[in-house]
N, C-alpha and C. Protein backbone atom coordinates (compact mmCIF):
# COMPACT_ATOMS: atom_id res chain seq x y z
N MET A 1 -38.80 -14.96 134.05
CA MET A 1 -38.47 -14.90 132.56
C MET A 1 -39.41 -13.94 131.96
N GLU A 2 -38.94 -12.93 131.18
CA GLU A 2 -39.80 -12.04 130.51
C GLU A 2 -40.24 -12.79 129.02
N ARG A 3 -41.52 -12.40 128.78
CA ARG A 3 -42.03 -13.17 127.56
C ARG A 3 -42.78 -12.05 126.67
N ARG A 4 -42.52 -12.38 125.44
CA ARG A 4 -43.34 -11.35 124.57
C ARG A 4 -43.73 -12.12 123.06
N PHE A 5 -44.80 -11.76 122.45
CA PHE A 5 -45.11 -12.36 121.37
C PHE A 5 -44.86 -11.33 120.34
N PHE A 6 -44.42 -11.79 119.02
CA PHE A 6 -44.38 -10.83 117.93
C PHE A 6 -45.07 -11.51 116.71
N ALA A 7 -45.40 -10.63 115.77
CA ALA A 7 -45.98 -11.06 114.64
C ALA A 7 -44.88 -11.81 113.57
N SER A 8 -45.14 -12.90 113.18
CA SER A 8 -44.13 -13.81 112.30
C SER A 8 -43.92 -12.92 110.97
N GLU A 9 -43.31 -11.92 111.12
CA GLU A 9 -42.95 -11.17 109.81
C GLU A 9 -41.51 -10.70 109.89
N LYS A 10 -40.80 -10.70 108.85
CA LYS A 10 -39.37 -10.12 108.80
C LYS A 10 -39.21 -8.79 109.39
N GLU A 11 -40.33 -7.97 109.15
CA GLU A 11 -40.15 -6.63 109.64
C GLU A 11 -40.23 -6.54 111.25
N GLN A 12 -40.44 -7.55 111.96
CA GLN A 12 -40.52 -7.76 113.30
C GLN A 12 -39.10 -8.06 113.95
N VAL A 13 -38.18 -8.38 113.07
CA VAL A 13 -36.83 -8.86 113.78
C VAL A 13 -36.21 -7.67 114.48
N ALA A 14 -36.39 -6.31 113.86
CA ALA A 14 -35.72 -5.19 114.65
C ALA A 14 -36.40 -4.99 116.14
N ALA A 15 -37.87 -5.35 115.99
CA ALA A 15 -38.56 -5.08 117.21
C ALA A 15 -38.14 -6.10 118.22
N ALA A 16 -38.00 -7.29 117.79
CA ALA A 16 -37.52 -8.11 118.76
C ALA A 16 -36.14 -8.08 119.32
N ARG A 17 -35.17 -7.59 118.40
CA ARG A 17 -34.05 -7.05 118.92
C ARG A 17 -33.99 -5.88 120.01
N GLY A 18 -34.81 -4.96 119.61
CA GLY A 18 -34.98 -3.92 120.65
C GLY A 18 -35.69 -4.24 121.84
N TRP A 19 -36.58 -5.27 121.83
CA TRP A 19 -37.15 -5.60 123.25
C TRP A 19 -36.07 -6.43 124.12
N VAL A 20 -35.42 -7.29 123.36
CA VAL A 20 -34.41 -8.05 124.18
C VAL A 20 -33.42 -7.04 124.63
N ALA A 21 -32.93 -5.85 123.89
CA ALA A 21 -32.02 -4.94 124.50
C ALA A 21 -32.55 -4.40 125.60
N ASP A 22 -33.81 -3.92 125.73
CA ASP A 22 -34.54 -3.34 126.68
C ASP A 22 -34.56 -4.22 127.83
N VAL A 23 -34.76 -5.57 127.75
CA VAL A 23 -34.84 -6.48 128.96
C VAL A 23 -33.60 -6.49 129.69
N LEU A 24 -32.38 -6.76 128.72
CA LEU A 24 -31.13 -6.82 129.30
C LEU A 24 -30.62 -5.33 129.98
N GLY A 25 -30.84 -4.38 129.15
CA GLY A 25 -30.30 -3.08 129.71
C GLY A 25 -28.95 -2.73 128.91
N ALA A 26 -28.76 -1.53 128.78
CA ALA A 26 -27.51 -0.97 127.84
C ALA A 26 -26.28 -1.53 128.66
N GLY A 27 -26.17 -1.78 129.86
CA GLY A 27 -24.99 -2.02 130.38
C GLY A 27 -24.69 -3.62 130.60
N HIS A 28 -25.43 -4.39 130.07
CA HIS A 28 -25.47 -5.98 130.29
C HIS A 28 -24.03 -6.38 129.50
N PRO A 29 -23.31 -7.10 129.93
CA PRO A 29 -22.10 -7.64 129.36
C PRO A 29 -22.22 -8.44 128.27
N LEU A 30 -23.46 -9.05 128.18
CA LEU A 30 -23.67 -10.13 127.08
C LEU A 30 -24.60 -9.48 126.11
N LEU A 31 -24.93 -8.13 126.14
CA LEU A 31 -25.97 -7.45 125.22
C LEU A 31 -25.68 -7.82 123.60
N ASP A 32 -24.50 -7.43 123.28
CA ASP A 32 -24.20 -7.51 121.93
C ASP A 32 -24.38 -8.82 121.32
N ASP A 33 -23.93 -10.04 122.03
CA ASP A 33 -23.99 -11.30 121.29
C ASP A 33 -25.45 -11.75 121.45
N CYS A 34 -26.13 -11.48 122.46
CA CYS A 34 -27.57 -11.58 122.81
C CYS A 34 -28.45 -11.23 121.56
N VAL A 35 -28.07 -9.81 121.35
CA VAL A 35 -28.82 -9.24 120.20
C VAL A 35 -28.76 -9.87 118.87
N LEU A 36 -27.29 -10.13 118.68
CA LEU A 36 -27.01 -10.90 117.33
C LEU A 36 -27.73 -12.13 117.13
N LEU A 37 -27.72 -12.97 118.35
CA LEU A 37 -28.37 -14.30 118.26
C LEU A 37 -29.87 -14.24 118.17
N ILE A 38 -30.49 -13.23 118.93
CA ILE A 38 -31.92 -13.14 118.70
C ILE A 38 -32.25 -12.68 117.33
N SER A 39 -31.45 -11.92 116.60
CA SER A 39 -31.68 -11.64 115.21
C SER A 39 -31.72 -12.91 114.34
N GLU A 40 -30.72 -13.68 114.60
CA GLU A 40 -30.76 -14.91 113.77
C GLU A 40 -31.75 -15.91 114.05
N THR A 41 -31.94 -16.22 115.49
CA THR A 41 -32.91 -17.16 115.73
C THR A 41 -34.44 -16.74 115.43
N PHE A 42 -34.59 -15.44 115.53
CA PHE A 42 -36.00 -14.79 115.15
C PHE A 42 -36.16 -14.99 113.65
N THR A 43 -35.02 -14.60 112.97
CA THR A 43 -35.28 -14.60 111.54
C THR A 43 -35.49 -16.09 111.12
N ASN A 44 -34.96 -17.04 111.55
CA ASN A 44 -35.13 -18.31 111.28
C ASN A 44 -36.52 -18.76 111.68
N ALA A 45 -37.06 -18.24 112.67
CA ALA A 45 -38.47 -18.64 113.12
C ALA A 45 -39.30 -18.24 111.95
N VAL A 46 -39.07 -16.80 111.55
CA VAL A 46 -40.03 -16.27 110.54
C VAL A 46 -39.84 -17.02 109.20
N VAL A 47 -38.66 -17.27 108.67
CA VAL A 47 -38.43 -17.85 107.38
C VAL A 47 -38.75 -19.25 107.32
N HIS A 48 -38.47 -19.87 108.33
CA HIS A 48 -38.72 -21.43 108.22
C HIS A 48 -39.97 -22.04 109.05
N GLY A 49 -40.30 -21.29 110.01
CA GLY A 49 -41.55 -21.67 110.85
C GLY A 49 -42.81 -21.48 110.28
N ALA A 50 -43.74 -21.90 110.95
CA ALA A 50 -45.11 -21.65 110.50
C ALA A 50 -45.82 -20.89 111.59
N GLY A 51 -47.06 -20.54 111.43
CA GLY A 51 -47.77 -19.83 112.24
C GLY A 51 -47.74 -18.08 112.18
N GLU A 52 -48.64 -17.56 112.96
CA GLU A 52 -48.76 -16.09 112.81
C GLU A 52 -47.79 -15.33 113.95
N LYS A 53 -47.43 -16.09 114.89
CA LYS A 53 -46.65 -15.24 115.88
C LYS A 53 -45.46 -16.06 116.16
N VAL A 54 -44.41 -15.51 116.70
CA VAL A 54 -43.07 -15.94 117.33
C VAL A 54 -43.18 -15.29 118.78
N GLU A 55 -42.89 -16.35 119.57
CA GLU A 55 -42.66 -15.96 121.03
C GLU A 55 -41.18 -16.03 121.58
N VAL A 56 -40.90 -14.96 122.20
CA VAL A 56 -39.39 -14.80 122.65
C VAL A 56 -39.47 -14.76 124.10
N CYS A 57 -38.73 -15.49 124.81
CA CYS A 57 -38.57 -15.51 126.33
C CYS A 57 -37.08 -15.10 126.69
N VAL A 58 -36.97 -14.48 127.54
CA VAL A 58 -35.60 -13.88 128.04
C VAL A 58 -35.46 -14.08 129.59
N GLY A 59 -34.53 -14.86 130.01
CA GLY A 59 -34.16 -14.76 131.39
C GLY A 59 -32.72 -14.28 131.65
N ALA A 60 -32.58 -13.46 132.56
CA ALA A 60 -31.11 -12.89 132.61
C ALA A 60 -30.83 -12.54 133.90
N GLY A 61 -29.46 -12.74 134.24
CA GLY A 61 -28.82 -12.34 135.39
C GLY A 61 -27.72 -11.44 135.21
N PRO A 62 -26.65 -11.18 136.10
CA PRO A 62 -25.53 -10.24 135.74
C PRO A 62 -24.70 -10.85 134.94
N ASP A 63 -24.56 -12.12 134.87
CA ASP A 63 -23.52 -12.74 134.11
C ASP A 63 -24.01 -13.96 133.21
N ARG A 64 -25.40 -13.99 132.89
CA ARG A 64 -25.98 -15.05 132.05
C ARG A 64 -27.14 -14.46 131.32
N VAL A 65 -27.55 -15.17 130.23
CA VAL A 65 -28.78 -14.90 129.56
C VAL A 65 -29.11 -16.11 129.06
N ASN A 66 -30.68 -16.60 129.17
CA ASN A 66 -31.19 -17.69 128.73
C ASN A 66 -32.28 -17.19 127.68
N VAL A 67 -32.36 -17.72 126.54
CA VAL A 67 -33.40 -17.11 125.56
C VAL A 67 -34.06 -18.35 124.89
N GLU A 68 -35.28 -18.22 124.46
CA GLU A 68 -36.14 -19.16 123.87
C GLU A 68 -37.03 -18.36 122.85
N VAL A 69 -36.84 -19.06 121.51
CA VAL A 69 -37.74 -18.48 120.44
C VAL A 69 -38.53 -19.63 119.87
N VAL A 70 -39.74 -19.40 120.07
CA VAL A 70 -40.68 -20.46 119.66
C VAL A 70 -41.54 -20.03 118.48
N ASP A 71 -41.65 -20.76 117.38
CA ASP A 71 -42.29 -20.67 116.28
C ASP A 71 -43.54 -21.62 116.13
N GLY A 72 -44.44 -21.55 115.31
CA GLY A 72 -45.50 -22.37 114.99
C GLY A 72 -45.17 -23.66 114.60
N GLY A 73 -44.00 -24.03 114.15
CA GLY A 73 -43.45 -25.35 113.75
C GLY A 73 -43.94 -25.67 112.47
N GLY A 74 -43.95 -26.77 111.90
CA GLY A 74 -44.16 -27.16 110.73
C GLY A 74 -43.23 -27.07 109.64
N GLY A 75 -42.14 -26.26 109.91
CA GLY A 75 -41.25 -26.35 108.91
C GLY A 75 -40.01 -27.15 109.24
N ALA A 76 -39.04 -26.81 108.51
CA ALA A 76 -37.72 -27.86 108.67
C ALA A 76 -37.17 -27.64 110.13
N LEU A 77 -36.63 -28.67 110.53
CA LEU A 77 -35.76 -28.57 111.75
C LEU A 77 -34.50 -27.91 111.48
N PRO A 78 -34.03 -27.27 112.47
CA PRO A 78 -32.83 -26.53 112.26
C PRO A 78 -31.64 -27.57 111.79
N HIS A 79 -31.00 -27.04 110.81
CA HIS A 79 -29.81 -27.88 110.22
C HIS A 79 -28.81 -26.83 109.60
N PHE A 80 -27.69 -27.47 109.69
CA PHE A 80 -26.44 -26.49 109.11
C PHE A 80 -26.38 -26.63 107.55
N VAL A 81 -26.10 -25.55 106.90
CA VAL A 81 -26.08 -25.60 105.40
C VAL A 81 -24.60 -25.20 105.22
N ASP A 82 -23.93 -26.17 104.40
CA ASP A 82 -22.62 -25.92 104.10
C ASP A 82 -22.36 -25.38 102.65
N ASP A 83 -22.75 -23.85 102.48
CA ASP A 83 -22.63 -23.44 101.24
C ASP A 83 -22.04 -21.92 101.50
N PRO A 84 -20.73 -21.88 101.53
CA PRO A 84 -19.97 -20.62 101.79
C PRO A 84 -20.48 -19.52 100.83
N CYS A 85 -21.13 -19.75 99.64
CA CYS A 85 -21.23 -18.91 98.78
C CYS A 85 -22.89 -18.68 98.58
N GLY A 86 -23.55 -19.20 99.51
CA GLY A 86 -25.05 -19.02 99.44
C GLY A 86 -25.48 -17.78 100.22
N VAL A 87 -26.70 -17.34 99.89
CA VAL A 87 -27.23 -16.25 100.44
C VAL A 87 -27.62 -16.30 101.89
N GLY A 88 -27.95 -17.40 102.39
CA GLY A 88 -28.24 -17.52 103.97
C GLY A 88 -27.43 -18.75 104.43
N GLY A 89 -28.03 -19.23 105.49
CA GLY A 89 -27.37 -20.47 105.99
C GLY A 89 -26.21 -20.16 107.14
N ARG A 90 -26.13 -19.02 107.53
CA ARG A 90 -25.11 -18.57 108.59
C ARG A 90 -25.55 -18.59 110.11
N GLY A 91 -26.84 -18.46 110.12
CA GLY A 91 -27.52 -18.33 111.55
C GLY A 91 -27.06 -19.40 112.48
N LEU A 92 -27.01 -20.74 112.19
CA LEU A 92 -26.74 -21.82 113.30
C LEU A 92 -25.28 -21.79 113.33
N PRO A 93 -24.41 -21.54 112.37
CA PRO A 93 -22.96 -21.51 112.67
C PRO A 93 -22.68 -20.43 113.75
N ILE A 94 -23.31 -19.17 113.45
CA ILE A 94 -23.17 -18.07 114.33
C ILE A 94 -23.49 -18.56 115.84
N LEU A 95 -24.62 -19.07 115.87
CA LEU A 95 -25.28 -19.50 117.08
C LEU A 95 -24.28 -20.53 117.79
N ARG A 96 -23.85 -21.38 116.99
CA ARG A 96 -22.95 -22.41 117.56
C ARG A 96 -21.44 -21.79 118.04
N ALA A 97 -21.19 -20.78 117.43
CA ALA A 97 -19.83 -20.02 117.67
C ALA A 97 -19.99 -19.00 118.98
N LEU A 98 -21.15 -18.43 119.19
CA LEU A 98 -21.29 -17.61 120.29
C LEU A 98 -21.91 -18.11 121.53
N ALA A 99 -22.75 -19.00 121.35
CA ALA A 99 -23.58 -19.35 122.59
C ALA A 99 -22.72 -20.34 123.23
N ASP A 100 -22.92 -20.47 124.64
CA ASP A 100 -22.23 -21.51 125.39
C ASP A 100 -22.95 -22.79 125.39
N GLU A 101 -24.29 -22.73 125.04
CA GLU A 101 -25.08 -23.92 124.88
C GLU A 101 -26.24 -23.55 123.93
N TRP A 102 -26.80 -24.49 123.27
CA TRP A 102 -27.92 -24.25 122.45
C TRP A 102 -28.51 -25.43 122.09
N GLY A 103 -29.84 -25.36 121.58
CA GLY A 103 -30.42 -26.60 121.08
C GLY A 103 -31.84 -26.11 120.67
N PHE A 104 -32.67 -27.23 120.35
CA PHE A 104 -34.03 -27.07 119.83
C PHE A 104 -34.83 -28.34 120.11
N GLY A 105 -36.17 -28.28 120.11
CA GLY A 105 -36.93 -29.35 120.24
C GLY A 105 -38.50 -29.04 119.79
N VAL A 106 -39.11 -29.98 119.39
CA VAL A 106 -40.49 -29.85 119.02
C VAL A 106 -41.39 -30.00 120.42
N LEU A 107 -42.26 -29.00 120.52
CA LEU A 107 -42.99 -29.25 121.68
C LEU A 107 -44.30 -30.10 121.52
N GLU A 108 -44.98 -30.35 122.42
CA GLU A 108 -46.12 -31.41 122.25
C GLU A 108 -47.17 -30.92 121.21
N ASP A 109 -47.40 -29.59 121.14
CA ASP A 109 -48.24 -29.00 120.23
C ASP A 109 -47.78 -28.86 118.66
N GLY A 110 -46.56 -29.32 118.52
CA GLY A 110 -46.03 -29.10 117.28
C GLY A 110 -45.05 -27.81 117.03
N ARG A 111 -45.23 -27.01 118.07
CA ARG A 111 -44.12 -25.72 117.80
C ARG A 111 -42.82 -26.11 118.02
N LEU A 112 -41.99 -25.23 117.31
CA LEU A 112 -40.62 -25.52 117.53
C LEU A 112 -39.98 -24.52 118.50
N ARG A 113 -39.21 -24.96 119.53
CA ARG A 113 -38.48 -23.98 120.40
C ARG A 113 -36.93 -24.13 120.23
N VAL A 114 -36.35 -23.07 119.91
CA VAL A 114 -34.94 -22.95 119.79
C VAL A 114 -34.46 -22.12 120.96
N TRP A 115 -33.45 -22.58 121.48
CA TRP A 115 -32.76 -21.95 122.76
C TRP A 115 -31.41 -21.78 122.81
N PHE A 116 -30.94 -20.72 123.49
CA PHE A 116 -29.49 -20.58 123.74
C PHE A 116 -29.35 -19.94 125.05
N ARG A 117 -27.89 -20.21 125.53
CA ARG A 117 -27.55 -19.80 126.79
C ARG A 117 -26.25 -18.94 126.59
N LEU A 118 -26.01 -17.83 127.11
CA LEU A 118 -24.90 -17.14 127.07
C LEU A 118 -24.47 -16.93 128.49
N THR A 119 -23.18 -17.07 128.85
CA THR A 119 -22.42 -16.73 130.25
C THR A 119 -21.30 -15.83 129.98
N GLY A 120 -20.84 -15.15 131.03
CA GLY A 120 -19.90 -14.20 130.81
C GLY A 120 -19.10 -13.97 132.08
């Protein structure tokens, strides 16, 4: 599994997307969905999480991708927002629609881990 830490800043979303794209490689069949989902989960970590860094872990094979995004915790747990006219709140519905499996948990040290799995 590949692992990288990014500063917990909105400006780092593009860097996280680029790194995941590099890990998977341009020809990976799940690349587009994975890049979209890392954008959503990383943004949520920055906006709703605490701490100065966000950890991204990627494990991939030819027909699967496993991703974990870990922030400092301390924010709200992931939850669905039902406001079709709202500015945000679409990340988890996108995650639910595209990922084969996903979930979250609070680690022993209080950090929040959101994970998803894609298969193709």
